[in-house]
């Protein structure tokens, strides 16, 4: 399961409204090699399903990932932080043993 906080949901809805995202779009989360800790998060809007998709719905938002990424993301919460020191979207990943200072990469 991948969870979505209320603040992340509000920001997702705002983006969909202001950037004319398709109403049937959903969040696609994946893990790629790279970043200073070895693995990086990737977050996009998408409208097309893929054969290996793992689909979750939390807090009214559809979140999709591939099976390989799910191994790293299971139990992760997508959150949003704003303000002067805000990070934007970020992940609270219980599987990460180490993260970089910016929060965009991790290792397990």
PDB file of N, CA and C in Angstrom:
ATOM      1  N   UNK A   1       0.837  -1.188   0.000  1.00  0.00           N
ATOM      2  CA  UNK A   1       0.000   0.000   0.000  1.00  0.00           C
ATOM      3  C   UNK A   1       0.875   1.242   0.000  1.00  0.00           C
ATOM      4  N   UNK A   2       0.452   2.242  -0.726  1.00  0.00           N
ATOM      5  CA  UNK A   2       1.069   3.559  -0.708  1.00  0.00           C
ATOM      6  C   UNK A   2      -0.017   4.527  -0.250  1.00  0.00           C
ATOM      7  N   UNK A   3       0.320   5.334   0.745  1.00  0.00           N
ATOM      8  CA  UNK A   3      -0.651   6.219   1.370  1.00  0.00           C
ATOM      9  C   UNK A   3      -0.491   7.654   0.881  1.00  0.00           C
ATOM     10  N   UNK A   4      -1.574   8.445   0.964  1.00  0.00           N
ATOM     11  CA  UNK A   4      -1.576   9.844   0.551  1.00  0.00           C
ATOM     12  C   UNK A   4      -2.145  10.677   1.695  1.00  0.00           C
ATOM     13  N   UNK A   5      -1.373  11.664   2.173  1.00  0.00           N
ATOM     14  CA  UNK A   5      -1.855  12.524   3.253  1.00  0.00           C
ATOM     15  C   UNK A   5      -2.869  13.529   2.715  1.00  0.00           C
ATOM     16  N   UNK A   6      -3.567  14.183   3.624  1.00  0.00           N
ATOM     17  CA  UNK A   6      -4.529  15.217   3.231  1.00  0.00           C
ATOM     18  C   UNK A   6      -3.843  16.367   2.495  1.00  0.00           C
ATOM     19  N   UNK A   7      -2.663  16.787   2.967  1.00  0.00           N
ATOM     20  CA  UNK A   7      -1.954  17.894   2.313  1.00  0.00           C
ATOM     21  C   UNK A   7      -1.526  17.506   0.901  1.00  0.00           C
ATOM     22  N   UNK A   8      -1.073  16.270   0.710  1.00  0.00           N
ATOM     23  CA  UNK A   8      -0.690  15.819  -0.625  1.00  0.00           C
ATOM     24  C   UNK A   8      -1.920  15.767  -1.527  1.00  0.00           C
ATOM     25  N   UNK A   9      -3.019  15.283  -1.004  1.00  0.00           N
ATOM     26  CA  UNK A   9      -4.250  15.215  -1.790  1.00  0.00           C
ATOM     27  C   UNK A   9      -4.686  16.612  -2.228  1.00  0.00           C
ATOM     28  N   UNK A  10      -4.639  17.568  -1.319  1.00  0.00           N
ATOM     29  CA  UNK A  10      -5.025  18.944  -1.659  1.00  0.00           C
ATOM     30  C   UNK A  10      -4.139  19.499  -2.771  1.00  0.00           C
ATOM     31  N   UNK A  11      -2.840  19.251  -2.687  1.00  0.00           N
ATOM     32  CA  UNK A  11      -1.912  19.756  -3.703  1.00  0.00           C
ATOM     33  C   UNK A  11      -2.133  19.059  -5.051  1.00  0.00           C
ATOM     34  N   UNK A  12      -2.389  17.762  -5.022  1.00  0.00           N
ATOM     35  CA  UNK A  12      -2.691  17.026  -6.254  1.00  0.00           C
ATOM     36  C   UNK A  12      -3.921  17.615  -6.925  1.00  0.00           C
ATOM     37  N   UNK A  13      -4.961  17.870  -6.137  1.00  0.00           N
ATOM     38  CA  UNK A  13      -6.190  18.443  -6.692  1.00  0.00           C
ATOM     39  C   UNK A  13      -5.944  19.829  -7.275  1.00  0.00           C
ATOM     40  N   UNK A  14      -5.146  20.631  -6.596  1.00  0.00           N
ATOM     41  CA  UNK A  14      -4.823  21.972  -7.087  1.00  0.00           C
ATOM     42  C   UNK A  14      -4.080  21.888  -8.415  1.00  0.00           C
ATOM     43  N   UNK A  15      -3.125  21.003  -8.506  1.00  0.00           N
ATOM     44  CA  UNK A  15      -2.377  20.843  -9.758  1.00  0.00           C
ATOM     45  C   UNK A  15      -3.313  20.411 -10.880  1.00  0.00           C
ATOM     46  N   UNK A  16      -4.178  19.464 -10.605  1.00  0.00           N
ATOM     47  CA  UNK A  16      -5.112  18.998 -11.636  1.00  0.00           C
ATOM     48  C   UNK A  16      -6.006  20.139 -12.121  1.00  0.00           C
ATOM     49  N   UNK A  17      -6.432  21.008 -11.204  1.00  0.00           N
ATOM     50  CA  UNK A  17      -7.325  22.114 -11.574  1.00  0.00           C
ATOM     51  C   UNK A  17      -6.592  23.222 -12.311  1.00  0.00           C
ATOM     52  N   UNK A  18      -5.404  23.577 -11.864  1.00  0.00           N
ATOM     53  CA  UNK A  18      -4.711  24.727 -12.439  1.00  0.00           C
ATOM     54  C   UNK A  18      -3.902  24.396 -13.676  1.00  0.00           C
ATOM     55  N   UNK A  19      -3.507  23.171 -13.848  1.00  0.00           N
ATOM     56  CA  UNK A  19      -2.683  22.812 -14.995  1.00  0.00           C
ATOM     57  C   UNK A  19      -3.453  21.992 -16.027  1.00  0.00           C
ATOM     58  N   UNK A  20      -4.765  22.028 -15.916  1.00  0.00           N
ATOM     59  CA  UNK A  20      -5.618  21.353 -16.887  1.00  0.00           C
ATOM     60  C   UNK A  20      -5.252  19.883 -17.082  1.00  0.00           C
ATOM     61  N   UNK A  21      -4.871  19.223 -15.990  1.00  0.00           N
ATOM     62  CA  UNK A  21      -4.609  17.785 -16.065  1.00  0.00           C
ATOM     63  C   UNK A  21      -5.923  17.077 -16.387  1.00  0.00           C
ATOM     64  N   UNK A  22      -5.824  15.993 -17.071  1.00  0.00           N
ATOM     65  CA  UNK A  22      -7.030  15.243 -17.410  1.00  0.00           C
ATOM     66  C   UNK A  22      -7.697  14.748 -16.136  1.00  0.00           C
ATOM     67  N   UNK A  23      -9.007  14.750 -16.124  1.00  0.00           N
ATOM     68  CA  UNK A  23      -9.737  14.358 -14.924  1.00  0.00           C
ATOM     69  C   UNK A  23      -9.511  12.898 -14.557  1.00  0.00           C
ATOM     70  N   UNK A  24      -9.149  12.075 -15.525  1.00  0.00           N
ATOM     71  CA  UNK A  24      -8.907  10.667 -15.229  1.00  0.00           C
ATOM     72  C   UNK A  24      -7.439  10.379 -14.928  1.00  0.00           C
ATOM     73  N   UNK A  25      -6.629  11.411 -14.747  1.00  0.00           N
ATOM     74  CA  UNK A  25      -5.210  11.195 -14.456  1.00  0.00           C
ATOM     75  C   UNK A  25      -5.026  10.699 -13.027  1.00  0.00           C
ATOM     76  N   UNK A  26      -3.929  10.008 -12.829  1.00  0.00           N
ATOM     77  CA  UNK A  26      -3.590   9.472 -11.516  1.00  0.00           C
ATOM     78  C   UNK A  26      -2.105   9.697 -11.268  1.00  0.00           C
ATOM     79  N   UNK A  27      -1.681   9.435 -10.045  1.00  0.00           N
ATOM     80  CA  UNK A  27      -0.288   9.602  -9.664  1.00  0.00           C
ATOM     81  C   UNK A  27       0.461   8.309  -9.966  1.00  0.00           C
ATOM     82  N   UNK A  28       1.570   8.433 -10.685  1.00  0.00           N
ATOM     83  CA  UNK A  28       2.452   7.288 -10.923  1.00  0.00           C
ATOM     84  C   UNK A  28       3.744   7.535 -10.151  1.00  0.00           C
ATOM     85  N   UNK A  29       4.086   6.600  -9.276  1.00  0.00           N
ATOM     86  CA  UNK A  29       5.287   6.690  -8.458  1.00  0.00           C
ATOM     87  C   UNK A  29       6.209   5.546  -8.856  1.00  0.00           C
ATOM     88  N   UNK A  30       7.480   5.853  -9.014  1.00  0.00           N
ATOM     89  CA  UNK A  30       8.437   4.804  -9.320  1.00  0.00           C
ATOM     90  C   UNK A  30       9.772   5.098  -8.648  1.00  0.00           C
ATOM     91  N   UNK A  31      10.604   4.083  -8.623  1.00  0.00           N
ATOM     92  CA  UNK A  31      11.949   4.191  -8.062  1.00  0.00           C
ATOM     93  C   UNK A  31      12.925   3.919  -9.192  1.00  0.00           C
ATOM     94  N   UNK A  32      13.909   4.805  -9.339  1.00  0.00           N
ATOM     95  CA  UNK A  32      14.924   4.654 -10.372  1.00  0.00           C
ATOM     96  C   UNK A  32      16.305   4.684  -9.727  1.00  0.00           C
ATOM     97  N   UNK A  33      17.284   4.161 -10.430  1.00  0.00           N
ATOM     98  CA  UNK A  33      18.666   4.243  -9.948  1.00  0.00           C
ATOM     99  C   UNK A  33      19.144   5.673 -10.086  1.00  0.00           C
ATOM    100  N   UNK A  34      19.885   6.121  -9.080  1.00  0.00           N
ATOM    101  CA  UNK A  34      20.456   7.456  -9.155  1.00  0.00           C
ATOM    102  C   UNK A  34      20.313   8.208  -7.853  1.00  0.00           C
ATOM    103  N   UNK A  35      20.750   9.429  -7.851  1.00  0.00           N
ATOM    104  CA  UNK A  35      20.719  10.247  -6.656  1.00  0.00           C
ATOM    105  C   UNK A  35      21.909   9.950  -5.772  1.00  0.00           C
ATOM    106  N   UNK A  36      22.142  10.793  -4.802  1.00  0.00           N
ATOM    107  CA  UNK A  36      23.337  10.640  -3.973  1.00  0.00           C
ATOM    108  C   UNK A  36      23.245   9.462  -3.005  1.00  0.00           C
ATOM    109  N   UNK A  37      22.050   8.918  -2.790  1.00  0.00           N
ATOM    110  CA  UNK A  37      21.925   7.749  -1.912  1.00  0.00           C
ATOM    111  C   UNK A  37      21.720   6.446  -2.672  1.00  0.00           C
ATOM    112  N   UNK A  38      21.640   6.508  -4.002  1.00  0.00           N
ATOM    113  CA  UNK A  38      21.569   5.289  -4.802  1.00  0.00           C
ATOM    114  C   UNK A  38      20.261   5.056  -5.524  1.00  0.00           C
ATOM    115  N   UNK A  39      19.128   5.447  -4.907  1.00  0.00           N
ATOM    116  CA  UNK A  39      17.812   5.270  -5.522  1.00  0.00           C
ATOM    117  C   UNK A  39      17.064   6.592  -5.446  1.00  0.00           C
ATOM    118  N   UNK A  40      16.278   6.898  -6.481  1.00  0.00           N
ATOM    119  CA  UNK A  40      15.528   8.149  -6.516  1.00  0.00           C
ATOM    120  C   UNK A  40      14.048   7.884  -6.737  1.00  0.00           C
ATOM    121  N   UNK A  41      13.239   8.764  -6.179  1.00  0.00           N
ATOM    122  CA  UNK A  41      11.798   8.720  -6.390  1.00  0.00           C
ATOM    123  C   UNK A  41      11.452   9.475  -7.662  1.00  0.00           C
ATOM    124  N   UNK A  42      10.439   8.987  -8.361  1.00  0.00           N
ATOM    125  CA  UNK A  42       9.917   9.696  -9.518  1.00  0.00           C
ATOM    126  C   UNK A  42       8.408   9.776  -9.353  1.00  0.00           C
ATOM    127  N   UNK A  43       7.844  10.950  -9.528  1.00  0.00           N
ATOM    128  CA  UNK A  43       6.423  11.195  -9.337  1.00  0.00           C
ATOM    129  C   UNK A  43       5.890  11.929 -10.559  1.00  0.00           C
ATOM    130  N   UNK A  44       4.867  11.365 -11.210  1.00  0.00           N
ATOM    131  CA  UNK A  44       4.291  11.958 -12.409  1.00  0.00           C
ATOM    132  C   UNK A  44       2.784  11.765 -12.406  1.00  0.00           C
ATOM    133  N   UNK A  45       2.108  12.556 -13.229  1.00  0.00           N
ATOM    134  CA  UNK A  45       0.707  12.292 -13.545  1.00  0.00           C
ATOM    135  C   UNK A  45       0.689  11.402 -14.773  1.00  0.00           C
ATOM    136  N   UNK A  46      -0.271  10.485 -14.824  1.00  0.00           N
ATOM    137  CA  UNK A  46      -0.374   9.568 -15.954  1.00  0.00           C
ATOM    138  C   UNK A  46      -1.844   9.262 -16.188  1.00  0.00           C
ATOM    139  N   UNK A  47      -2.158   8.786 -17.379  1.00  0.00           N
ATOM    140  CA  UNK A  47      -3.534   8.386 -17.698  1.00  0.00           C
ATOM    141  C   UNK A  47      -3.599   6.987 -18.286  1.00  0.00           C
ATOM    142  N   UNK A  48      -2.442   6.366 -18.525  1.00  0.00           N
ATOM    143  CA  UNK A  48      -2.426   5.058 -19.168  1.00  0.00           C
ATOM    144  C   UNK A  48      -1.945   3.973 -18.219  1.00  0.00           C
ATOM    145  N   UNK A  49      -2.720   2.886 -18.173  1.00  0.00           N
ATOM    146  CA  UNK A  49      -2.338   1.734 -17.366  1.00  0.00           C
ATOM    147  C   UNK A  49      -1.299   0.910 -18.111  1.00  0.00           C
ATOM    148  N   UNK A  50      -0.451   0.234 -17.336  1.00  0.00           N
ATOM    149  CA  UNK A  50       0.563  -0.658 -17.896  1.00  0.00           C
ATOM    150  C   UNK A  50       0.327  -2.063 -17.347  1.00  0.00           C
ATOM    151  N   UNK A  51       0.797  -3.080 -18.047  1.00  0.00           N
ATOM    152  CA  UNK A  51       0.517  -4.453 -17.626  1.00  0.00           C
ATOM    153  C   UNK A  51       1.011  -4.812 -16.217  1.00  0.00           C
ATOM    154  N   UNK A  52       2.131  -4.255 -15.777  1.00  0.00           N
ATOM    155  CA  UNK A  52       2.666  -4.633 -14.462  1.00  0.00           C
ATOM    156  C   UNK A  52       2.270  -3.667 -13.351  1.00  0.00           C
ATOM    157  N   UNK A  53       1.291  -2.800 -13.593  1.00  0.00           N
ATOM    158  CA  UNK A  53       0.876  -1.812 -12.593  1.00  0.00           C
ATOM    159  C   UNK A  53       0.327  -2.448 -11.324  1.00  0.00           C
ATOM    160  N   UNK A  54       0.721  -1.877 -10.217  1.00  0.00           N
ATOM    161  CA  UNK A  54       0.157  -2.190  -8.913  1.00  0.00           C
ATOM    162  C   UNK A  54      -0.642  -0.943  -8.535  1.00  0.00           C
ATOM    163  N   UNK A  55      -1.947  -1.091  -8.333  1.00  0.00           N
ATOM    164  CA  UNK A  55      -2.836   0.054  -8.161  1.00  0.00           C
ATOM    165  C   UNK A  55      -3.344   0.120  -6.730  1.00  0.00           C
ATOM    166  N   UNK A  56      -3.278   1.319  -6.162  1.00  0.00           N
ATOM    167  CA  UNK A  56      -3.771   1.563  -4.808  1.00  0.00           C
ATOM    168  C   UNK A  56      -4.646   2.798  -4.832  1.00  0.00           C
ATOM    169  N   UNK A  57      -5.567   2.866  -3.906  1.00  0.00           N
ATOM    170  CA  UNK A  57      -6.353   4.079  -3.732  1.00  0.00           C
ATOM    171  C   UNK A  57      -6.360   4.410  -2.256  1.00  0.00           C
ATOM    172  N   UNK A  58      -5.943   5.637  -1.958  1.00  0.00           N
ATOM    173  CA  UNK A  58      -5.950   6.100  -0.578  1.00  0.00           C
ATOM    174  C   UNK A  58      -6.369   7.563  -0.567  1.00  0.00           C
ATOM    175  N   UNK A  59      -7.213   7.896   0.365  1.00  0.00           N
ATOM    176  CA  UNK A  59      -7.654   9.280   0.545  1.00  0.00           C
ATOM    177  C   UNK A  59      -8.260   9.840  -0.747  1.00  0.00           C
ATOM    178  N   UNK A  60      -8.894   8.969  -1.524  1.00  0.00           N
ATOM    179  CA  UNK A  60      -9.543   9.394  -2.756  1.00  0.00           C
ATOM    180  C   UNK A  60      -8.616   9.580  -3.940  1.00  0.00           C
ATOM    181  N   UNK A  61      -7.345   9.255  -3.789  1.00  0.00           N
ATOM    182  CA  UNK A  61      -6.386   9.402  -4.884  1.00  0.00           C
ATOM    183  C   UNK A  61      -5.893   8.034  -5.344  1.00  0.00           C
ATOM    184  N   UNK A  62      -5.856   7.861  -6.643  1.00  0.00           N
ATOM    185  CA  UNK A  62      -5.342   6.627  -7.238  1.00  0.00           C
ATOM    186  C   UNK A  62      -3.830   6.767  -7.399  1.00  0.00           C
ATOM    187  N   UNK A  63      -3.100   5.822  -6.820  1.00  0.00           N
ATOM    188  CA  UNK A  63      -1.638   5.813  -6.894  1.00  0.00           C
ATOM    189  C   UNK A  63      -1.219   4.511  -7.546  1.00  0.00           C
ATOM    190  N   UNK A  64      -0.372   4.610  -8.563  1.00  0.00           N
ATOM    191  CA  UNK A  64       0.033   3.457  -9.350  1.00  0.00           C
ATOM    192  C   UNK A  64       1.559   3.359  -9.334  1.00  0.00           C
ATOM    193  N   UNK A  65       2.058   2.137  -9.233  1.00  0.00           N
ATOM    194  CA  UNK A  65       3.494   1.899  -9.316  1.00  0.00           C
ATOM    195  C   UNK A  65       3.720   0.565 -10.012  1.00  0.00           C
ATOM    196  N   UNK A  66       4.934   0.331 -10.454  1.00  0.00           N
ATOM    197  CA  UNK A  66       5.264  -0.965 -11.035  1.00  0.00           C
ATOM    198  C   UNK A  66       5.680  -1.914  -9.903  1.00  0.00           C
ATOM    199  N   UNK A  67       5.685  -3.201 -10.178  1.00  0.00           N
ATOM    200  CA  UNK A  67       5.954  -4.190  -9.132  1.00  0.00           C
ATOM    201  C   UNK A  67       7.347  -4.025  -8.528  1.00  0.00           C
ATOM    202  N   UNK A  68       8.349  -3.771  -9.348  1.00  0.00           N
ATOM    203  CA  UNK A  68       9.712  -3.618  -8.842  1.00  0.00           C
ATOM    204  C   UNK A  68       9.801  -2.437  -7.868  1.00  0.00           C
ATOM    205  N   UNK A  69       9.197  -1.311  -8.228  1.00  0.00           N
ATOM    206  CA  UNK A  69       9.214  -0.138  -7.351  1.00  0.00           C
ATOM    207  C   UNK A  69       8.453  -0.395  -6.058  1.00  0.00           C
ATOM    208  N   UNK A  70       7.377  -1.180  -6.144  1.00  0.00           N
ATOM    209  CA  UNK A  70       6.583  -1.466  -4.955  1.00  0.00           C
ATOM    210  C   UNK A  70       7.420  -2.146  -3.873  1.00  0.00           C
ATOM    211  N   UNK A  71       8.393  -2.942  -4.280  1.00  0.00           N
ATOM    212  CA  UNK A  71       9.261  -3.602  -3.299  1.00  0.00           C
ATOM    213  C   UNK A  71       9.982  -2.583  -2.428  1.00  0.00           C
ATOM    214  N   UNK A  72      10.282  -1.405  -2.975  1.00  0.00           N
ATOM    215  CA  UNK A  72      10.934  -0.336  -2.223  1.00  0.00           C
ATOM    216  C   UNK A  72       9.936   0.599  -1.545  1.00  0.00           C
ATOM    217  N   UNK A  73       8.711   0.675  -2.082  1.00  0.00           N
ATOM    218  CA  UNK A  73       7.746   1.685  -1.650  1.00  0.00           C
ATOM    219  C   UNK A  73       6.652   1.183  -0.722  1.00  0.00           C
ATOM    220  N   UNK A  74       6.569  -0.116  -0.487  1.00  0.00           N
ATOM    221  CA  UNK A  74       5.457  -0.649   0.300  1.00  0.00           C
ATOM    222  C   UNK A  74       5.396   0.025   1.674  1.00  0.00           C
ATOM    223  N   UNK A  75       4.242   0.579   2.004  1.00  0.00           N
ATOM    224  CA  UNK A  75       4.050   1.251   3.289  1.00  0.00           C
ATOM    225  C   UNK A  75       4.462   2.712   3.289  1.00  0.00           C
ATOM    226  N   UNK A  76       4.866   3.231   2.133  1.00  0.00           N
ATOM    227  CA  UNK A  76       5.320   4.623   2.021  1.00  0.00           C
ATOM    228  C   UNK A  76       4.136   5.575   2.004  1.00  0.00           C
ATOM    229  N   UNK A  77       4.344   6.759   2.566  1.00  0.00           N
ATOM    230  CA  UNK A  77       3.331   7.806   2.563  1.00  0.00           C
ATOM    231  C   UNK A  77       3.813   8.971   1.711  1.00  0.00           C
ATOM    232  N   UNK A  78       2.965   9.395   0.764  1.00  0.00           N
ATOM    233  CA  UNK A  78       3.229  10.585  -0.042  1.00  0.00           C
ATOM    234  C   UNK A  78       2.669  11.777   0.716  1.00  0.00           C
ATOM    235  N   UNK A  79       3.508  12.776   0.956  1.00  0.00           N
ATOM    236  CA  UNK A  79       3.100  13.957   1.711  1.00  0.00           C
ATOM    237  C   UNK A  79       3.497  15.204   0.931  1.00  0.00           C
ATOM    238  N   UNK A  80       3.054  16.348   1.414  1.00  0.00           N
ATOM    239  CA  UNK A  80       3.397  17.619   0.785  1.00  0.00           C
ATOM    240  C   UNK A  80       3.693  18.630   1.859  1.00  0.00           C
ATOM    241  N   UNK A  81       4.746  19.403   1.653  1.00  0.00           N
ATOM    242  CA  UNK A  81       5.141  20.443   2.596  1.00  0.00           C
ATOM    243  C   UNK A  81       5.309  21.746   1.839  1.00  0.00           C
ATOM    244  N   UNK A  82       4.715  22.821   2.382  1.00  0.00           N
ATOM    245  CA  UNK A  82       4.876  24.123   1.735  1.00  0.00           C
ATOM    246  C   UNK A  82       5.466  25.106   2.739  1.00  0.00           C
ATOM    247  N   UNK A  83       5.517  26.339   2.388  1.00  0.00           N
ATOM    248  CA  UNK A  83       6.107  27.338   3.266  1.00  0.00           C
ATOM    249  C   UNK A  83       7.538  27.632   2.872  1.00  0.00           C
ATOM    250  N   UNK A  84       8.210  28.418   3.693  1.00  0.00           N
ATOM    251  CA  UNK A  84       9.571  28.847   3.371  1.00  0.00           C
ATOM    252  C   UNK A  84      10.557  27.692   3.301  1.00  0.00           C
ATOM    253  N   UNK A  85      10.413  26.722   4.177  1.00  0.00           N
ATOM    254  CA  UNK A  85      11.336  25.590   4.173  1.00  0.00           C
ATOM    255  C   UNK A  85      10.690  24.332   3.623  1.00  0.00           C
ATOM    256  N   UNK A  86       9.586  24.498   2.894  1.00  0.00           N
ATOM    257  CA  UNK A  86       8.865  23.355   2.348  1.00  0.00           C
ATOM    258  C   UNK A  86       9.634  22.636   1.267  1.00  0.00           C
ATOM    259  N   UNK A  87       9.398  21.348   1.151  1.00  0.00           N
ATOM    260  CA  UNK A  87      10.083  20.505   0.185  1.00  0.00           C
ATOM    261  C   UNK A  87       9.234  20.225  -1.048  1.00  0.00           C
ATOM    262  N   UNK A  88       7.956  20.569  -1.014  1.00  0.00           N
ATOM    263  CA  UNK A  88       7.053  20.120  -2.060  1.00  0.00           C
ATOM    264  C   UNK A  88       6.594  18.715  -1.704  1.00  0.00           C
ATOM    265  N   UNK A  89       6.402  17.873  -2.702  1.00  0.00           N
ATOM    266  CA  UNK A  89       6.052  16.482  -2.431  1.00  0.00           C
ATOM    267  C   UNK A  89       7.268  15.766  -1.854  1.00  0.00           C
ATOM    268  N   UNK A  90       7.021  14.916  -0.872  1.00  0.00           N
ATOM    269  CA  UNK A  90       8.097  14.097  -0.343  1.00  0.00           C
ATOM    270  C   UNK A  90       7.524  12.772   0.133  1.00  0.00           C
ATOM    271  N   UNK A  91       8.405  11.811   0.337  1.00  0.00           N
ATOM    272  CA  UNK A  91       8.012  10.453   0.689  1.00  0.00           C
ATOM    273  C   UNK A  91       8.502  10.113   2.091  1.00  0.00           C
ATOM    274  N   UNK A  92       7.610   9.577   2.895  1.00  0.00           N
ATOM    275  CA  UNK A  92       7.981   9.024   4.200  1.00  0.00           C
ATOM    276  C   UNK A  92       8.022   7.517   3.999  1.00  0.00           C
ATOM    277  N   UNK A  93       9.229   7.010   3.783  1.00  0.00           N
ATOM    278  CA  UNK A  93       9.421   5.617   3.387  1.00  0.00           C
ATOM    279  C   UNK A  93      10.011   4.810   4.546  1.00  0.00           C
ATOM    280  N   UNK A  94       9.233   3.901   5.131  1.00  0.00           N
ATOM    281  CA  UNK A  94       9.735   3.104   6.253  1.00  0.00           C
ATOM    282  C   UNK A  94      10.800   2.087   5.842  1.00  0.00           C
ATOM    283  N   UNK A  95      10.967   1.861   4.553  1.00  0.00           N
ATOM    284  CA  UNK A  95      11.953   0.890   4.061  1.00  0.00           C
ATOM    285  C   UNK A  95      13.331   1.511   3.853  1.00  0.00           C
ATOM    286  N   UNK A  96      13.423   2.833   3.862  1.00  0.00           N
ATOM    287  CA  UNK A  96      14.688   3.519   3.598  1.00  0.00           C
ATOM    288  C   UNK A  96      15.586   3.450   4.826  1.00  0.00           C
ATOM    289  N   UNK A  97      16.790   2.953   4.629  1.00  0.00           N
ATOM    290  CA  UNK A  97      17.750   2.918   5.729  1.00  0.00           C
ATOM    291  C   UNK A  97      18.567   4.201   5.785  1.00  0.00           C
ATOM    292  N   UNK A  98      18.612   4.925   4.661  1.00  0.00           N
ATOM    293  CA  UNK A  98      19.364   6.172   4.594  1.00  0.00           C
ATOM    294  C   UNK A  98      18.738   7.043   3.519  1.00  0.00           C
ATOM    295  N   UNK A  99      18.652   8.345   3.781  1.00  0.00           N
ATOM    296  CA  UNK A  99      18.162   9.282   2.784  1.00  0.00           C
ATOM    297  C   UNK A  99      19.158  10.430   2.663  1.00  0.00           C
ATOM    298  N   UNK A 100      19.125  11.104   1.516  1.00  0.00           N
ATOM    299  CA  UNK A 100      19.992  12.263   1.357  1.00  0.00           C
ATOM    300  C   UNK A 100      19.327  13.452   2.050  1.00  0.00           C
ATOM    301  N   UNK A 101      20.053  14.526   2.205  1.00  0.00           N
ATOM    302  CA  UNK A 101      19.531  15.675   2.935  1.00  0.00           C
ATOM    303  C   UNK A 101      18.353  16.332   2.235  1.00  0.00           C
ATOM    304  N   UNK A 102      18.280  16.239   0.915  1.00  0.00           N
ATOM    305  CA  UNK A 102      17.158  16.865   0.201  1.00  0.00           C
ATOM    306  C   UNK A 102      15.930  15.961   0.180  1.00  0.00           C
ATOM    307  N   UNK A 103      16.087  14.680   0.527  1.00  0.00           N
ATOM    308  CA  UNK A 103      14.954  13.766   0.572  1.00  0.00           C
ATOM    309  C   UNK A 103      14.546  13.182  -0.758  1.00  0.00           C
ATOM    310  N   UNK A 104      15.307  13.437  -1.808  1.00  0.00           N
ATOM    311  CA  UNK A 104      14.936  12.949  -3.125  1.00  0.00           C
ATOM    312  C   UNK A 104      15.529  11.589  -3.461  1.00  0.00           C
ATOM    313  N   UNK A 105      16.476  11.133  -2.667  1.00  0.00           N
ATOM    314  CA  UNK A 105      17.039   9.807  -2.920  1.00  0.00           C
ATOM    315  C   UNK A 105      17.196   9.066  -1.603  1.00  0.00           C
ATOM    316  N   UNK A 106      17.344   7.741  -1.719  1.00  0.00           N
ATOM    317  CA  UNK A 106      17.401   6.891  -0.525  1.00  0.00           C
ATOM    318  C   UNK A 106      18.133   5.613  -0.840  1.00  0.00           C
ATOM    319  N   UNK A 107      18.394   4.836   0.194  1.00  0.00           N
ATOM    320  CA  UNK A 107      18.929   3.493   0.012  1.00  0.00           C
ATOM    321  C   UNK A 107      18.228   2.580   1.006  1.00  0.00           C
ATOM    322  N   UNK A 108      18.271   1.291   0.718  1.00  0.00           N
ATOM    323  CA  UNK A 108      17.630   0.304   1.605  1.00  0.00           C
ATOM    324  C   UNK A 108      18.664  -0.666   2.130  1.00  0.00           C
TER     325      UNK A 108
END
